[in-house]
C-alpha atoms as a PDB file:
ATOM      1  CA  UNK A   1      16.399  25.213 173.418  1.00  0.00           C
ATOM      2  CA  UNK A   2      14.090  22.608 171.904  1.00  0.00           C
ATOM      3  CA  UNK A   3      14.289  21.946 168.194  1.00  0.00           C
ATOM      4  CA  UNK A   4      11.173  22.525 166.090  1.00  0.00           C
ATOM      5  CA  UNK A   5       8.986  19.453 165.670  1.00  0.00           C
ATOM      6  CA  UNK A   6       7.981  18.395 162.159  1.00  0.00           C
ATOM      7  CA  UNK A   7       4.810  16.310 162.313  1.00  0.00           C
ATOM      8  CA  UNK A   8       3.077  14.206 159.675  1.00  0.00           C
ATOM      9  CA  UNK A   9       0.711  17.128 159.120  1.00  0.00           C
ATOM     10  CA  UNK A  10       3.655  19.471 158.494  1.00  0.00           C
ATOM     11  CA  UNK A  11       5.166  16.975 156.044  1.00  0.00           C
ATOM     12  CA  UNK A  12       1.828  16.778 154.235  1.00  0.00           C
ATOM     13  CA  UNK A  13       1.763  20.574 153.898  1.00  0.00           C
ATOM     14  CA  UNK A  14       5.344  20.573 152.569  1.00  0.00           C
ATOM     15  CA  UNK A  15       4.483  17.918 149.972  1.00  0.00           C
ATOM     16  CA  UNK A  16       1.412  19.920 148.961  1.00  0.00           C
ATOM     17  CA  UNK A  17       3.367  23.151 148.529  1.00  0.00           C
ATOM     18  CA  UNK A  18       6.291  21.538 146.666  1.00  0.00           C
ATOM     19  CA  UNK A  19       4.284  19.348 144.295  1.00  0.00           C
ATOM     20  CA  UNK A  20       0.965  21.123 143.928  1.00  0.00           C
ATOM     21  CA  UNK A  21      -0.776  17.887 144.937  1.00  0.00           C
ATOM     22  CA  UNK A  22      -4.035  17.993 146.829  1.00  0.00           C
ATOM     23  CA  UNK A  23      -3.948  17.664 150.601  1.00  0.00           C
ATOM     24  CA  UNK A  24      -5.484  14.204 150.341  1.00  0.00           C
ATOM     25  CA  UNK A  25      -2.840  12.984 147.872  1.00  0.00           C
ATOM     26  CA  UNK A  26      -0.063  14.507 150.017  1.00  0.00           C
ATOM     27  CA  UNK A  27      -1.449  12.739 153.099  1.00  0.00           C
ATOM     28  CA  UNK A  28      -1.598   9.406 151.246  1.00  0.00           C
ATOM     29  CA  UNK A  29       1.969   9.922 149.985  1.00  0.00           C
ATOM     30  CA  UNK A  30       3.419  10.711 153.420  1.00  0.00           C
ATOM     31  CA  UNK A  31       1.545   7.786 155.001  1.00  0.00           C
ATOM     32  CA  UNK A  32       2.711   5.405 152.243  1.00  0.00           C
ATOM     33  CA  UNK A  33       6.355   6.385 152.800  1.00  0.00           C
ATOM     34  CA  UNK A  34       6.104   6.026 156.585  1.00  0.00           C
ATOM     35  CA  UNK A  35       4.254   2.700 156.317  1.00  0.00           C
ATOM     36  CA  UNK A  36       6.869   1.407 153.867  1.00  0.00           C
ATOM     37  CA  UNK A  37       9.709   2.346 156.225  1.00  0.00           C
ATOM     38  CA  UNK A  38       7.931   0.702 159.177  1.00  0.00           C
ATOM     39  CA  UNK A  39       7.126  -2.527 157.346  1.00  0.00           C
ATOM     40  CA  UNK A  40      10.669  -2.875 155.998  1.00  0.00           C
ATOM     41  CA  UNK A  41      12.238  -2.300 159.410  1.00  0.00           C
ATOM     42  CA  UNK A  42       9.785  -4.750 160.966  1.00  0.00           C
ATOM     43  CA  UNK A  43      10.786  -7.324 158.315  1.00  0.00           C
ATOM     44  CA  UNK A  44      14.414  -6.944 159.371  1.00  0.00           C
ATOM     45  CA  UNK A  45      15.539  -4.742 156.487  1.00  0.00           C
ATOM     46  CA  UNK A  46      17.688  -1.636 156.806  1.00  0.00           C
ATOM     47  CA  UNK A  47      16.174   1.438 155.138  1.00  0.00           C
ATOM     48  CA  UNK A  48      18.630   4.101 153.999  1.00  0.00           C
ATOM     49  CA  UNK A  49      17.451   7.470 152.723  1.00  0.00           C
ATOM     50  CA  UNK A  50      20.396   9.303 151.188  1.00  0.00           C
ATOM     51  CA  UNK A  51      20.848  12.715 152.751  1.00  0.00           C
ATOM     52  CA  UNK A  52      18.508  11.895 155.615  1.00  0.00           C
ATOM     53  CA  UNK A  53      19.632   8.808 157.495  1.00  0.00           C
ATOM     54  CA  UNK A  54      18.911   5.157 157.949  1.00  0.00           C
ATOM     55  CA  UNK A  55      16.479   3.057 159.927  1.00  0.00           C
ATOM     56  CA  UNK A  56      17.058  -0.456 161.194  1.00  0.00           C
ATOM     57  CA  UNK A  57      15.614  -2.711 163.837  1.00  0.00           C
ATOM     58  CA  UNK A  58      17.457  -3.723 166.982  1.00  0.00           C
ATOM     59  CA  UNK A  59      16.619  -5.922 169.931  1.00  0.00           C
ATOM     60  CA  UNK A  60      16.740  -4.210 173.308  1.00  0.00           C
ATOM     61  CA  UNK A  61      17.786  -6.807 175.863  1.00  0.00           C
ATOM     62  CA  UNK A  62      15.540  -7.765 178.762  1.00  0.00           C
ATOM     63  CA  UNK A  63      16.344  -5.820 181.901  1.00  0.00           C
ATOM     64  CA  UNK A  64      15.376  -5.275 185.495  1.00  0.00           C
ATOM     65  CA  UNK A  65      14.673  -1.749 186.682  1.00  0.00           C
ATOM     66  CA  UNK A  66      13.140  -0.370 189.812  1.00  0.00           C
ATOM     67  CA  UNK A  67      10.439   2.133 190.577  1.00  0.00           C
ATOM     68  CA  UNK A  68      12.076   4.876 192.675  1.00  0.00           C
ATOM     69  CA  UNK A  69       8.761   5.782 194.313  1.00  0.00           C
ATOM     70  CA  UNK A  70       7.955   2.272 195.562  1.00  0.00           C
ATOM     71  CA  UNK A  71      11.438   0.686 195.417  1.00  0.00           C
ATOM     72  CA  UNK A  72       9.804  -2.272 193.661  1.00  0.00           C
ATOM     73  CA  UNK A  73      11.752  -4.162 190.994  1.00  0.00           C
ATOM     74  CA  UNK A  74      10.189  -4.190 187.546  1.00  0.00           C
ATOM     75  CA  UNK A  75      11.153  -6.727 184.876  1.00  0.00           C
ATOM     76  CA  UNK A  76      11.084  -5.515 181.279  1.00  0.00           C
ATOM     77  CA  UNK A  77      11.153  -8.164 178.530  1.00  0.00           C
ATOM     78  CA  UNK A  78      13.307  -7.883 175.416  1.00  0.00           C
ATOM     79  CA  UNK A  79      11.728  -5.585 172.828  1.00  0.00           C
ATOM     80  CA  UNK A  80      12.275  -4.670 169.205  1.00  0.00           C
ATOM     81  CA  UNK A  81      13.105  -1.009 168.614  1.00  0.00           C
ATOM     82  CA  UNK A  82      14.134   1.190 165.709  1.00  0.00           C
ATOM     83  CA  UNK A  83      17.738   2.218 166.050  1.00  0.00           C
END
């Protein structure tokens, strides 16, 4: 069974109901937190939110895969991911 999905919109509604802030302020707050996490991870920092988890960047190595439909080899370059 799939777990419920909590979207940015749902987080905004939670912030609104818990703080009494307007929807616009809640949206700005959620976006500021997400943007801060993204920019810190992109800068190479580890972000740890006590009770929730941590975010850090990793490098996924370059690899060669193949398309099962065409049997063609596909080269994927190294990429930065959140891990």
